[in-house]
Amino acid sequence: MTQNLAVSSAIIERLIQWGVTHFVVSPGSRSTPLTVAVARNLKAKTTIHYDERGAAYFALGHAKATGKPAVLICTSGTAVANYFPAVVEASMDNIPLFILSADRPPELIGVGANQAIFQDNIYGIYPRLTRNLPPTPVDSSELTFIATVDECYRAAMGARPGPVQLNCQFREPLLPVNSETDVSFTLDLATAPEFKFAAEAAPDTAIPSEAIHAQIKTSSRGLIIVGRSVDSSLCEDILALADSLYWPIFADVQSNLRFSEHPNVINHFDLDLLNNDCPSEKPDTIIHLGSAFTSKRLLSYINDPDIFYVSVKTTPEKVDPNHQIDIAVQSDIRVFCKNFIQAGLSTSSKWLEIWQDLDLRTSQQILEMLKAEDSLNEPGISFQLSELIPDGHSLMLANSMAVREMDMFAAPNPTIGKVFANRGASGIDGLMATAAGYQSASNKPLTLLIGDLAFLHDLNSLLLIKNSRQPVIIVVINNDGGGIFNFLPVRAEKDVFEPYFGTPHGLTFQKAAELFNLPYTKPKDMNEFTWQYSQLISNSESAVIEVRTDRDANHEFHQRMFDLIREA
């Protein structure tokens, strides 16, 4: 009599006890005990998706919205490998994932058995923890494997959250002959090891308050940088710190502070750095809150060993691409901000006023140029979306150009909902699946701004979009290839650029939308785009808006705008 189903049922029930509510299942044979267990558990919510890569990114998006892992269930073989890109992204961005991978038993590994690969530690250094569940039969009296489930969950939700893998080795028969009625072998979780878990607090580095206070008091050109992992609930504390110090804030597009109308927030700092009036003197002190930021121009601007650089994060990994951090603090950001409010002695706002003046001129140039341009253009799409997106509506930004365009050109909009992207590893894979997963957990409408190559890369996930309970509106910029490469030095290599980097595909996306029964629009100009987007918002249904642009014209439009801003 197989114990596989009883063991699987106990695993699923234990995860539900932890507060896990969502299980993402891809069909397969070896994972039958896990799939049947979750399907029959009335407390489990499920999403079924045949593409394991998309399923994993759906779980990633779900975890981004909830802060808790969704559980992935798949069969053995390449199905497990298809989770790898999302595992990397989750690891790099500290997003919890819980993988229940089904596997063949040890006697079928390395002997040519079908669909049997080496799954133990398949994800290398990226999981926070990997464990093998021994093949059945198990010791039914002690349920020691439940302690392994607990260990994995703690690792996923620890001081540095991330992916974990519990690899379940199942022998045949996978189920009892009559699994619905046969209860001759069950496991009682009441006999399992004691259920305890206190969320692991981030170990606060002793904040070197004296050294930081001393630096702040002598600083005349201080700057606060807000990275991508800073929660919007911290905005008031960060603004209070900036107010108290008279310092400008450069906030990444994934921080809701980027869309704030607070006078200390320099919304277009990336473009301000182009201005000929940009201060020749660099900041003398930087307090960087949270993780990395998108702007390459900012990274270059602050690359100066004379800047006193303080990094404050809740997680322990190093984020220092310029190798310039003087003090790294692992601490609650709210605690840190409260520590240094009123730390400054100076009441001079000259440095802040310089940036405010620059930003005002940049904003005026953006507005004037975009209002004068009727034809579809990529900066204009980002600008219009930032203004049009409804109160509380989430916004996901694809990698390559989408996240950069929004970082540069978005207008302030304090009512915008969560703004996020997959910037851990910054790949273009699984982006529509991530959007669907986030929407599933947040249960709020969402807009996704995405490029054509990323759209093509994740076409299977249009099924997840179709099945979303709340609208997911996909704005896909189709410039017939890799638009970001037009902004890179390789553009000058005329003999290889177009086939190897521009990679034109000649496709449009109406038939793709029709295949998944999604409404489709294709605006002719900017006015039509704003009208169609507003209509789709009113209709409250998922849809695809295809915006056709030209890569060369887009590059030229950017250059003209950059030139205007330099002279603003």
Protein backbone atom coordinates (compact mmCIF):
# COMPACT_ATOMS: atom_id res chain seq x y z
CA MET A 1 0.00 0.00 0.00
CA THR A 2 1.52 3.32 -1.08
CA GLN A 3 2.07 6.08 1.46
CA ASN A 4 2.70 8.74 -1.19
CA LEU A 5 -0.73 10.35 -0.95
CA ALA A 6 -0.74 10.41 2.85
CA VAL A 7 2.70 12.00 2.96
CA SER A 8 1.74 14.55 0.29
CA SER A 9 -1.48 15.40 2.10
CA ALA A 10 0.45 16.00 5.32
CA ILE A 11 2.92 18.29 3.49
CA ILE A 12 0.12 20.35 1.94
CA GLU A 13 -1.74 20.62 5.24
CA ARG A 14 1.43 21.73 7.05
CA LEU A 15 2.08 24.46 4.51
CA ILE A 16 -1.50 25.67 4.91
CA GLN A 17 -0.90 25.80 8.67
CA TRP A 18 1.98 28.15 7.94
CA GLY A 19 -0.43 30.47 6.17
CA VAL A 20 0.35 29.43 2.59
CA THR A 21 -2.86 29.69 0.62
CA HIS A 22 -1.95 29.35 -3.05
CA PHE A 23 -0.58 26.35 -4.95
CA VAL A 24 0.50 26.60 -8.59
CA VAL A 25 0.31 23.19 -10.28
CA SER A 26 1.64 22.02 -13.63
CA PRO A 27 0.23 18.71 -14.90
CA GLY A 28 2.49 15.67 -14.67
CA SER A 29 2.59 12.02 -13.64
CA ARG A 30 5.28 11.72 -10.96
CA SER A 31 3.74 14.64 -9.07
CA THR A 32 0.35 12.88 -8.93
CA PRO A 33 0.36 12.41 -5.11
CA LEU A 34 1.07 16.12 -4.54
CA THR A 35 -1.49 17.24 -7.13
CA VAL A 36 -4.23 14.98 -5.77
CA ALA A 37 -3.46 16.08 -2.20
CA VAL A 38 -3.74 19.77 -3.00
CA ALA A 39 -6.82 19.28 -5.21
CA ARG A 40 -8.67 17.55 -2.36
CA ASN A 41 -7.69 20.03 0.33
CA LEU A 42 -10.62 22.43 0.64
CA LYS A 43 -8.42 25.13 2.17
CA ALA A 44 -6.03 25.24 -0.79
CA LYS A 45 -6.44 27.71 -3.64
CA THR A 46 -4.95 26.54 -6.92
CA THR A 47 -3.84 27.80 -10.30
CA ILE A 48 -3.13 25.21 -13.00
CA HIS A 49 -0.68 26.17 -15.73
CA TYR A 50 0.92 23.76 -18.18
CA ASP A 51 4.08 25.83 -18.74
CA GLU A 52 6.36 25.41 -15.72
CA ARG A 53 8.38 28.52 -16.55
CA GLY A 54 5.23 30.65 -16.61
CA ALA A 55 3.89 28.88 -13.51
CA ALA A 56 7.04 29.77 -11.58
CA TYR A 57 6.82 33.43 -12.56
CA PHE A 58 3.13 33.44 -11.62
CA ALA A 59 4.15 32.23 -8.15
CA LEU A 60 6.84 34.93 -8.07
CA GLY A 61 4.26 37.64 -8.81
CA HIS A 62 1.92 36.21 -6.19
CA ALA A 63 4.70 36.37 -3.58
CA LYS A 64 5.58 39.95 -4.58
CA ALA A 65 2.02 40.95 -3.71
CA THR A 66 1.64 38.97 -0.48
CA GLY A 67 5.13 38.63 0.98
CA LYS A 68 4.43 34.90 1.39
CA PRO A 69 5.43 32.06 -0.91
CA ALA A 70 3.07 30.43 -3.34
CA VAL A 71 3.88 26.72 -3.64
CA LEU A 72 4.96 25.29 -7.00
CA ILE A 73 4.20 21.65 -7.84
CA CYS A 74 5.65 19.91 -10.87
CA THR A 75 6.67 16.50 -12.16
CA SER A 76 10.23 15.25 -12.57
CA GLY A 77 12.71 15.99 -15.35
CA THR A 78 12.93 19.20 -17.36
CA ALA A 79 9.77 20.46 -15.66
CA VAL A 80 11.93 21.17 -12.61
CA ALA A 81 14.58 22.89 -14.74
CA ASN A 82 11.95 25.22 -16.23
CA TYR A 83 11.56 26.83 -12.81
CA PHE A 84 15.20 27.96 -12.86
CA PRO A 85 14.82 31.50 -14.30
CA ALA A 86 12.17 32.40 -11.70
CA VAL A 87 14.29 30.82 -8.94
CA VAL A 88 17.18 33.10 -9.94
CA GLU A 89 14.93 36.17 -10.02
CA ALA A 90 13.39 35.31 -6.65
CA SER A 91 16.80 34.74 -5.11
CA MET A 92 18.26 37.99 -6.42
CA ASP A 93 15.23 40.03 -5.34
CA ASN A 94 14.57 38.29 -1.99
CA ILE A 95 11.15 36.92 -2.97
CA PRO A 96 9.96 33.76 -1.17
CA LEU A 97 9.12 30.70 -3.32
CA PHE A 98 8.42 27.13 -2.21
CA ILE A 99 9.08 24.38 -4.77
CA LEU A 100 7.63 20.89 -4.32
CA SER A 101 9.35 19.02 -7.13
CA ALA A 102 8.44 15.39 -7.73
CA ASP A 103 11.33 13.04 -8.44
CA ARG A 104 12.14 9.44 -9.25
CA PRO A 105 13.51 7.34 -6.36
CA PRO A 106 17.32 6.93 -6.08
CA GLU A 107 17.38 3.53 -7.79
CA LEU A 108 16.07 5.13 -11.01
CA ILE A 109 18.61 7.99 -11.16
CA GLY A 110 21.63 7.63 -13.45
CA VAL A 111 20.47 4.33 -14.97
CA GLY A 112 18.70 5.58 -18.08
CA ALA A 113 15.18 5.59 -16.59
CA ASN A 114 12.72 7.79 -18.43
CA GLN A 115 12.27 11.40 -17.28
CA ALA A 116 14.85 10.95 -14.54
CA ILE A 117 17.49 13.65 -14.16
CA PHE A 118 19.73 14.75 -11.28
CA GLN A 119 17.35 17.08 -9.42
CA ASP A 120 19.17 17.23 -6.12
CA ASN A 121 20.58 20.77 -5.80
CA ILE A 122 19.61 21.49 -9.40
CA TYR A 123 19.37 25.25 -8.70
CA GLY A 124 22.89 25.55 -7.31
CA ILE A 125 23.58 28.52 -5.06
CA TYR A 126 20.25 30.29 -5.61
CA PRO A 127 17.87 28.58 -3.15
CA ARG A 128 18.04 29.49 0.52
CA LEU A 129 17.65 25.78 1.24
CA THR A 130 17.30 22.52 -0.71
CA ARG A 131 16.14 19.28 0.88
CA ASN A 132 15.35 15.77 -0.38
CA LEU A 133 12.27 14.00 0.93
CA PRO A 134 13.27 10.31 1.29
CA PRO A 135 11.22 7.92 -0.83
CA THR A 136 8.27 6.20 0.77
CA PRO A 137 7.61 4.29 2.94
CA VAL A 138 8.22 6.82 5.72
CA ASP A 139 8.26 6.40 9.47
CA SER A 140 4.59 6.98 10.20
CA SER A 141 5.10 7.20 13.94
CA GLU A 142 7.35 10.28 14.09
CA LEU A 143 6.59 12.23 10.90
CA THR A 144 10.14 13.49 10.86
CA PHE A 145 9.67 14.75 7.31
CA ILE A 146 7.30 17.44 8.68
CA ALA A 147 10.29 19.01 10.42
CA THR A 148 11.90 19.27 6.97
CA VAL A 149 8.83 21.09 5.64
CA ASP A 150 9.08 23.49 8.59
CA GLU A 151 12.80 24.00 7.99
CA CYS A 152 12.20 24.88 4.35
CA TYR A 153 9.41 27.34 5.17
CA ARG A 154 11.56 29.10 7.76
CA ALA A 155 14.35 29.45 5.21
CA ALA A 156 11.96 30.89 2.59
CA MET A 157 10.69 33.49 5.07
CA GLY A 158 13.94 34.24 6.88
CA ALA A 159 15.97 37.42 7.26
CA ARG A 160 16.77 37.13 3.57
CA PRO A 161 13.64 35.63 1.99
CA GLY A 162 14.00 33.54 -1.14
CA PRO A 163 13.30 30.26 -2.92
CA VAL A 164 13.48 26.82 -1.32
CA GLN A 165 13.13 23.36 -2.83
CA LEU A 166 11.72 20.21 -1.26
CA ASN A 167 12.46 17.41 -3.74
CA CYS A 168 9.96 14.57 -3.23
CA GLN A 169 11.13 11.13 -4.35
CA PHE A 170 8.09 8.95 -5.05
CA ARG A 171 8.08 5.23 -5.76
CA GLU A 172 5.30 3.55 -7.72
CA PRO A 173 2.45 2.90 -7.32
CA LEU A 174 1.94 6.63 -6.98
CA LEU A 175 -1.61 6.30 -5.56
CA PRO A 176 -3.67 3.59 -3.88
CA VAL A 177 -5.99 1.71 -6.24
CA ASN A 178 -9.04 3.50 -4.82
CA SER A 179 -7.48 6.68 -3.45
CA GLU A 180 -10.80 8.45 -2.80
CA THR A 181 -12.08 5.79 -0.42
CA ASP A 182 -8.96 4.02 0.82
CA VAL A 183 -7.97 5.62 4.15
CA SER A 184 -6.12 2.60 5.53
CA PHE A 185 -2.97 4.73 5.80
CA THR A 186 -3.23 8.29 7.06
CA LEU A 187 -0.93 10.63 8.92
CA ASP A 188 -2.09 12.66 11.89
CA LEU A 189 -0.35 16.02 12.12
CA ALA A 190 -1.19 16.10 15.81
CA THR A 191 1.70 13.67 16.29
CA ALA A 192 4.11 15.79 14.25
CA PRO A 193 6.89 17.84 15.85
CA GLU A 194 5.58 20.91 17.63
CA PHE A 195 4.34 23.63 15.29
CA LYS A 196 6.28 26.80 16.12
CA PHE A 197 7.48 29.71 14.13
CA ALA A 198 8.48 33.19 15.07
CA ALA A 199 9.33 35.25 12.02
CA GLU A 200 13.06 35.71 11.91
CA ALA A 201 13.79 39.37 12.47
CA ALA A 202 16.46 41.08 10.44
CA PRO A 203 19.50 41.24 12.71
CA ASP A 204 20.15 44.94 13.17
CA THR A 205 23.70 45.95 12.58
CA ALA A 206 24.75 48.22 15.40
CA ILE A 207 24.08 51.58 13.75
CA PRO A 208 27.25 53.67 14.03
CA SER A 209 25.16 56.66 14.96
CA GLU A 210 28.02 58.82 16.14
CA ALA A 211 29.97 58.57 12.88
CA ILE A 212 26.88 59.14 10.73
CA HIS A 213 25.67 62.04 12.90
CA ALA A 214 29.10 63.68 12.61
CA GLN A 215 29.07 63.32 8.82
CA ILE A 216 25.53 64.69 8.46
CA LYS A 217 26.37 67.75 10.58
CA THR A 218 29.27 68.71 8.33
CA SER A 219 27.49 67.89 5.06
CA SER A 220 26.39 70.70 2.77
CA ARG A 221 25.40 68.53 -0.19
CA GLY A 222 23.54 65.52 1.16
CA LEU A 223 21.46 63.16 -0.99
CA ILE A 224 18.96 60.43 -0.15
CA ILE A 225 18.67 57.62 -2.70
CA VAL A 226 15.70 55.27 -2.40
CA GLY A 227 16.13 51.86 -4.01
CA ARG A 228 13.66 49.31 -5.26
CA SER A 229 13.02 47.25 -2.13
CA VAL A 230 11.68 50.08 0.04
CA ASP A 231 8.05 49.53 1.00
CA SER A 232 5.61 52.37 0.41
CA SER A 233 4.69 52.30 4.11
CA LEU A 234 8.10 53.88 4.78
CA CYS A 235 7.48 56.95 2.62
CA GLU A 236 6.44 59.24 5.48
CA ASP A 237 9.53 58.39 7.52
CA ILE A 238 11.85 58.98 4.55
CA LEU A 239 10.16 62.28 3.72
CA ALA A 240 10.44 63.36 7.35
CA LEU A 241 14.18 62.63 7.26
CA ALA A 242 14.61 64.58 4.02
CA ASP A 243 12.58 67.52 5.39
CA SER A 244 14.67 67.62 8.53
CA LEU A 245 17.99 67.55 6.64
CA TYR A 246 16.95 69.73 3.66
CA TRP A 247 18.20 66.98 1.34
CA PRO A 248 16.84 66.01 -2.10
CA ILE A 249 15.51 62.50 -2.70
CA PHE A 250 16.35 60.51 -5.83
CA ALA A 251 13.79 57.68 -5.75
CA ASP A 252 13.86 54.68 -8.07
CA VAL A 253 10.81 54.08 -10.24
CA GLN A 254 9.95 50.97 -8.19
CA SER A 255 9.60 53.16 -5.14
CA ASN A 256 6.26 54.92 -4.84
CA LEU A 257 8.25 57.97 -3.75
CA ARG A 258 9.24 58.41 -7.40
CA PHE A 259 5.63 59.48 -8.08
CA SER A 260 5.35 61.76 -5.05
CA GLU A 261 4.57 65.48 -5.32
CA HIS A 262 6.64 66.26 -2.22
CA PRO A 263 9.07 69.13 -2.98
CA ASN A 264 12.14 67.17 -1.82
CA VAL A 265 11.48 64.39 -4.36
CA ILE A 266 13.36 65.08 -7.59
CA ASN A 267 11.14 63.17 -10.00
CA HIS A 268 13.27 63.44 -13.14
CA PHE A 269 16.72 63.16 -11.56
CA ASP A 270 17.94 60.83 -14.32
CA LEU A 271 17.27 63.49 -16.96
CA ASP A 272 18.34 66.34 -14.68
CA LEU A 273 21.81 64.80 -14.69
CA LEU A 274 22.00 65.61 -18.43
CA ASN A 275 21.44 69.32 -17.86
CA ASN A 276 24.42 71.57 -18.46
CA ASP A 277 23.51 73.30 -15.19
CA CYS A 278 23.79 70.07 -13.23
CA PRO A 279 26.04 70.87 -10.25
CA SER A 280 29.70 70.21 -10.98
CA GLU A 281 30.16 69.45 -7.31
CA LYS A 282 29.02 65.95 -6.38
CA PRO A 283 27.11 65.13 -3.20
CA ASP A 284 29.41 64.94 -0.19
CA THR A 285 27.14 62.47 1.64
CA ILE A 286 24.71 59.82 0.37
CA ILE A 287 22.24 57.82 2.43
CA HIS A 288 21.05 54.98 0.22
CA LEU A 289 17.91 53.29 1.54
CA GLY A 290 17.02 49.87 0.16
CA SER A 291 18.38 47.92 -2.77
CA ALA A 292 19.66 48.83 -6.23
CA PHE A 293 18.18 51.46 -8.55
CA THR A 294 17.54 51.50 -12.29
CA SER A 295 19.34 54.64 -13.44
CA LYS A 296 22.75 53.96 -14.98
CA ARG A 297 23.31 57.70 -15.25
CA LEU A 298 22.93 58.08 -11.48
CA LEU A 299 25.30 55.18 -10.86
CA SER A 300 27.92 56.93 -12.98
CA TYR A 301 27.26 60.34 -11.38
CA ILE A 302 27.84 59.12 -7.82
CA ASN A 303 30.91 57.03 -8.67
CA ASP A 304 33.30 59.12 -6.60
CA PRO A 305 35.48 57.87 -3.73
CA ASP A 306 35.20 61.24 -1.96
CA ILE A 307 31.47 60.76 -1.33
CA PHE A 308 30.67 59.46 2.15
CA TYR A 309 28.29 56.62 1.34
CA VAL A 310 25.92 54.97 3.83
CA SER A 311 23.89 51.96 2.68
CA VAL A 312 20.84 50.91 4.73
CA LYS A 313 19.04 47.66 3.94
CA THR A 314 16.93 45.14 5.82
CA THR A 315 18.68 42.21 4.12
CA PRO A 316 22.35 41.21 4.27
CA GLU A 317 23.41 40.90 0.62
CA LYS A 318 25.91 43.39 -0.79
CA VAL A 319 24.70 46.05 -3.24
CA ASP A 320 27.75 48.14 -4.10
CA PRO A 321 28.56 48.04 -7.85
CA ASN A 322 30.83 51.11 -7.55
CA HIS A 323 32.72 49.62 -4.56
CA GLN A 324 32.32 52.83 -2.60
CA ILE A 325 30.19 52.12 0.50
CA ASP A 326 31.76 53.48 3.69
CA ILE A 327 29.14 52.22 6.17
CA ALA A 328 26.74 49.33 5.48
CA VAL A 329 23.85 49.05 7.92
CA GLN A 330 21.44 46.13 8.08
CA SER A 331 18.51 47.62 9.91
CA ASP A 332 14.85 48.47 9.83
CA ILE A 333 14.71 51.54 7.58
CA ARG A 334 12.05 53.22 9.72
CA VAL A 335 14.25 52.85 12.80
CA PHE A 336 17.21 54.29 10.88
CA CYS A 337 15.25 57.31 9.64
CA LYS A 338 13.91 58.14 13.09
CA ASN A 339 17.47 57.92 14.42
CA PHE A 340 18.68 60.75 12.19
CA ILE A 341 15.73 63.11 11.97
CA GLN A 342 16.94 66.40 13.45
CA ALA A 343 20.55 65.24 13.03
CA GLY A 344 21.54 68.20 10.88
CA LEU A 345 22.53 71.57 12.29
CA SER A 346 22.39 73.49 9.03
CA THR A 347 19.11 74.96 7.83
CA SER A 348 20.48 75.82 4.39
CA SER A 349 18.34 74.62 1.49
CA LYS A 350 20.62 75.90 -1.31
CA TRP A 351 21.66 72.44 -2.50
CA LEU A 352 18.04 71.27 -2.49
CA GLU A 353 16.89 74.38 -4.35
CA ILE A 354 19.41 73.74 -7.15
CA TRP A 355 17.87 70.32 -7.80
CA GLN A 356 14.32 71.62 -7.48
CA ASP A 357 15.05 74.29 -10.10
CA LEU A 358 16.64 71.76 -12.45
CA ASP A 359 13.72 69.40 -12.04
CA LEU A 360 11.15 72.10 -12.74
CA ARG A 361 12.87 73.00 -16.01
CA THR A 362 13.15 69.35 -17.02
CA SER A 363 9.47 68.76 -16.28
CA GLN A 364 8.53 71.75 -18.43
CA GLN A 365 10.67 70.51 -21.34
CA ILE A 366 9.16 67.03 -21.16
CA LEU A 367 5.64 68.41 -21.08
CA GLU A 368 6.20 70.86 -23.95
CA MET A 369 7.83 68.31 -26.23
CA LEU A 370 5.35 65.53 -25.56
CA LYS A 371 2.31 67.78 -25.92
CA ALA A 372 3.62 68.89 -29.31
CA GLU A 373 4.04 65.31 -30.56
CA ASP A 374 0.86 63.62 -31.82
CA SER A 375 2.50 60.52 -33.26
CA LEU A 376 2.99 57.45 -31.07
CA ASN A 377 6.26 57.62 -29.16
CA GLU A 378 7.65 55.62 -26.28
CA PRO A 379 8.39 58.47 -23.83
CA GLY A 380 4.85 59.73 -24.42
CA ILE A 381 3.31 56.34 -23.63
CA SER A 382 5.11 56.22 -20.28
CA PHE A 383 4.14 59.80 -19.50
CA GLN A 384 0.49 59.25 -20.40
CA LEU A 385 0.24 55.99 -18.46
CA SER A 386 1.68 57.63 -15.35
CA GLU A 387 -1.06 60.27 -15.55
CA LEU A 388 -3.95 58.04 -16.65
CA ILE A 389 -3.53 55.05 -14.38
CA PRO A 390 -6.43 55.00 -11.90
CA ASP A 391 -6.22 55.31 -8.15
CA GLY A 392 -4.80 52.14 -6.60
CA HIS A 393 -4.25 50.43 -9.96
CA SER A 394 -0.93 48.49 -9.94
CA LEU A 395 1.72 49.05 -12.61
CA MET A 396 4.27 46.47 -13.70
CA LEU A 397 7.21 47.51 -15.86
CA ALA A 398 9.06 45.13 -18.15
CA ASN A 399 12.83 45.21 -18.37
CA SER A 400 14.97 46.83 -21.07
CA MET A 401 13.21 50.02 -22.22
CA ALA A 402 9.89 50.00 -20.32
CA VAL A 403 11.33 50.43 -16.83
CA ARG A 404 13.84 53.02 -18.04
CA GLU A 405 11.25 55.06 -19.96
CA MET A 406 9.00 55.21 -16.90
CA ASP A 407 11.97 56.09 -14.68
CA MET A 408 12.84 59.01 -16.94
CA PHE A 409 9.50 60.39 -18.12
CA ALA A 410 6.73 59.49 -15.66
CA ALA A 411 4.75 62.38 -14.21
CA PRO A 412 4.11 62.61 -10.46
CA ASN A 413 0.99 60.70 -9.44
CA PRO A 414 0.63 60.17 -5.67
CA THR A 415 -2.50 57.99 -6.08
CA ILE A 416 -0.77 55.34 -8.18
CA GLY A 417 -0.79 51.83 -6.73
CA LYS A 418 2.19 49.50 -6.41
CA VAL A 419 4.84 49.97 -9.11
CA PHE A 420 7.15 47.00 -9.58
CA ALA A 421 9.37 45.08 -11.99
CA ASN A 422 11.50 41.95 -12.05
CA ARG A 423 14.84 43.68 -11.46
CA GLY A 424 16.59 40.99 -9.44
CA ALA A 425 18.21 39.51 -12.53
CA SER A 426 16.47 41.90 -14.98
CA GLY A 427 15.50 39.26 -17.53
CA ILE A 428 12.73 39.59 -20.09
CA ASP A 429 11.28 36.14 -19.35
CA GLY A 430 8.04 35.42 -17.51
CA LEU A 431 6.85 39.01 -17.28
CA MET A 432 3.20 38.46 -18.22
CA ALA A 433 3.06 35.49 -15.85
CA THR A 434 4.47 37.67 -13.05
CA ALA A 435 1.79 40.29 -13.73
CA ALA A 436 -0.94 37.64 -13.62
CA GLY A 437 0.41 36.25 -10.34
CA TYR A 438 0.60 39.68 -8.75
CA GLN A 439 -2.95 40.47 -9.81
CA SER A 440 -4.16 37.11 -8.47
CA ALA A 441 -2.84 37.92 -5.01
CA SER A 442 -3.64 41.63 -4.88
CA ASN A 443 -7.08 41.18 -6.47
CA LYS A 444 -6.70 44.64 -7.98
CA PRO A 445 -6.50 45.74 -11.64
CA LEU A 446 -3.04 45.98 -13.13
CA THR A 447 -1.38 47.56 -16.14
CA LEU A 448 1.73 45.96 -17.69
CA LEU A 449 4.03 48.02 -19.91
CA ILE A 450 6.09 45.57 -21.96
CA GLY A 451 8.20 45.38 -25.12
CA ASP A 452 7.55 43.17 -28.11
CA LEU A 453 10.39 40.68 -27.50
CA ALA A 454 9.38 40.17 -23.87
CA PHE A 455 5.77 39.73 -25.02
CA LEU A 456 6.80 37.06 -27.53
CA HIS A 457 8.99 35.40 -24.91
CA ASP A 458 6.00 34.75 -22.64
CA LEU A 459 3.10 34.21 -25.06
CA ASN A 460 1.91 31.10 -23.19
CA SER A 461 1.10 33.27 -20.18
CA LEU A 462 -1.66 35.06 -22.07
CA LEU A 463 -3.79 32.17 -20.80
CA LEU A 464 -3.07 33.32 -17.23
CA ILE A 465 -4.02 36.87 -18.23
CA LYS A 466 -7.26 35.61 -19.80
CA ASN A 467 -8.16 33.84 -16.56
CA SER A 468 -7.35 36.79 -14.27
CA ARG A 469 -10.20 37.75 -11.96
CA GLN A 470 -9.36 41.45 -12.23
CA PRO A 471 -8.35 43.24 -15.44
CA VAL A 472 -4.74 43.07 -16.62
CA ILE A 473 -4.20 45.59 -19.40
CA ILE A 474 -1.09 44.86 -21.45
CA VAL A 475 0.44 47.84 -23.25
CA VAL A 476 2.96 46.27 -25.62
CA ILE A 477 5.41 48.55 -27.42
CA ASN A 478 6.07 46.88 -30.77
CA ASN A 479 9.10 48.47 -32.40
CA ASP A 480 9.94 45.27 -34.28
CA GLY A 481 12.92 44.16 -32.25
CA GLY A 482 15.31 44.98 -29.44
CA GLY A 483 14.85 48.72 -29.06
CA ILE A 484 17.30 49.14 -26.21
CA PHE A 485 20.25 48.21 -28.42
CA ASN A 486 19.74 51.41 -30.43
CA PHE A 487 21.00 53.24 -27.32
CA LEU A 488 24.14 51.12 -26.92
CA PRO A 489 27.54 51.41 -28.65
CA VAL A 490 26.91 48.24 -30.69
CA ARG A 491 24.52 50.34 -32.79
CA ALA A 492 27.56 51.55 -34.74
CA GLU A 493 28.39 48.02 -35.95
CA LYS A 494 26.27 48.24 -39.08
CA ASP A 495 27.18 44.83 -40.49
CA VAL A 496 25.87 42.88 -37.51
CA PHE A 497 23.56 45.22 -35.65
CA GLU A 498 20.20 44.60 -37.31
CA PRO A 499 20.14 40.78 -37.58
CA TYR A 500 21.89 40.06 -34.28
CA PHE A 501 20.77 42.90 -31.98
CA GLY A 502 17.83 44.67 -33.62
CA THR A 503 16.38 41.20 -34.38
CA PRO A 504 13.31 42.31 -36.37
CA HIS A 505 10.49 39.76 -36.30
CA GLY A 506 7.87 41.41 -38.54
CA LEU A 507 4.99 40.31 -36.31
CA THR A 508 1.90 42.01 -34.96
CA PHE A 509 -0.10 40.73 -32.01
CA GLN A 510 -3.76 40.86 -32.96
CA LYS A 511 -3.91 37.13 -33.73
CA ALA A 512 -2.18 36.33 -30.43
CA ALA A 513 -4.83 38.28 -28.54
CA GLU A 514 -7.58 36.57 -30.54
CA LEU A 515 -6.11 33.14 -29.81
CA PHE A 516 -6.63 33.76 -26.09
CA ASN A 517 -9.94 35.62 -26.61
CA LEU A 518 -8.55 38.92 -25.32
CA PRO A 519 -9.81 42.30 -26.58
CA TYR A 520 -7.24 44.03 -28.79
CA THR A 521 -6.68 47.63 -29.86
CA LYS A 522 -4.05 49.32 -31.97
CA PRO A 523 -4.09 53.13 -31.63
CA LYS A 524 -3.02 55.35 -34.52
CA ASP A 525 -1.73 58.27 -32.42
CA MET A 526 -1.31 59.47 -28.85
CA ASN A 527 -4.84 60.84 -28.57
CA GLU A 528 -6.31 57.53 -29.65
CA PHE A 529 -4.05 55.70 -27.20
CA THR A 530 -5.26 57.74 -24.24
CA TRP A 531 -8.89 57.25 -25.30
CA GLN A 532 -8.53 53.48 -25.83
CA TYR A 533 -6.70 52.96 -22.54
CA SER A 534 -9.35 54.95 -20.66
CA GLN A 535 -12.10 52.94 -22.34
CA LEU A 536 -10.52 49.63 -21.38
CA ILE A 537 -10.17 50.82 -17.79
CA SER A 538 -13.90 51.62 -17.81
CA ASN A 539 -14.74 48.23 -19.34
CA SER A 540 -12.93 46.40 -16.51
CA GLU A 541 -11.60 43.60 -18.68
CA SER A 542 -8.17 42.30 -19.58
CA ALA A 543 -6.93 43.44 -23.00
CA VAL A 544 -3.93 43.99 -25.25
CA ILE A 545 -3.04 47.45 -26.58
CA GLU A 546 -0.39 47.24 -29.30
CA VAL A 547 1.57 50.45 -29.79
CA ARG A 548 3.58 50.41 -33.02
CA THR A 549 6.72 52.56 -33.02
CA ASP A 550 9.89 52.73 -35.05
CA ARG A 551 13.22 51.98 -33.36
CA ASP A 552 15.27 54.52 -35.30
CA ALA A 553 12.63 57.24 -34.90
CA ASN A 554 12.39 56.45 -31.19
CA HIS A 555 16.15 56.81 -30.77
CA GLU A 556 16.13 60.10 -32.66
CA PHE A 557 13.20 61.42 -30.58
CA HIS A 558 15.07 60.62 -27.38
CA GLN A 559 18.18 62.39 -28.62
CA ARG A 560 16.21 65.52 -29.46
CA MET A 561 14.63 65.49 -26.01
CA PHE A 562 17.98 64.95 -24.34
CA ASP A 563 19.43 67.90 -26.27
CA LEU A 564 16.58 70.16 -25.17
CA ILE A 565 17.01 69.14 -21.54
CA ARG A 566 20.75 69.82 -21.68
CA GLU A 567 19.99 73.42 -22.64
CA ALA A 568 16.85 73.83 -20.53
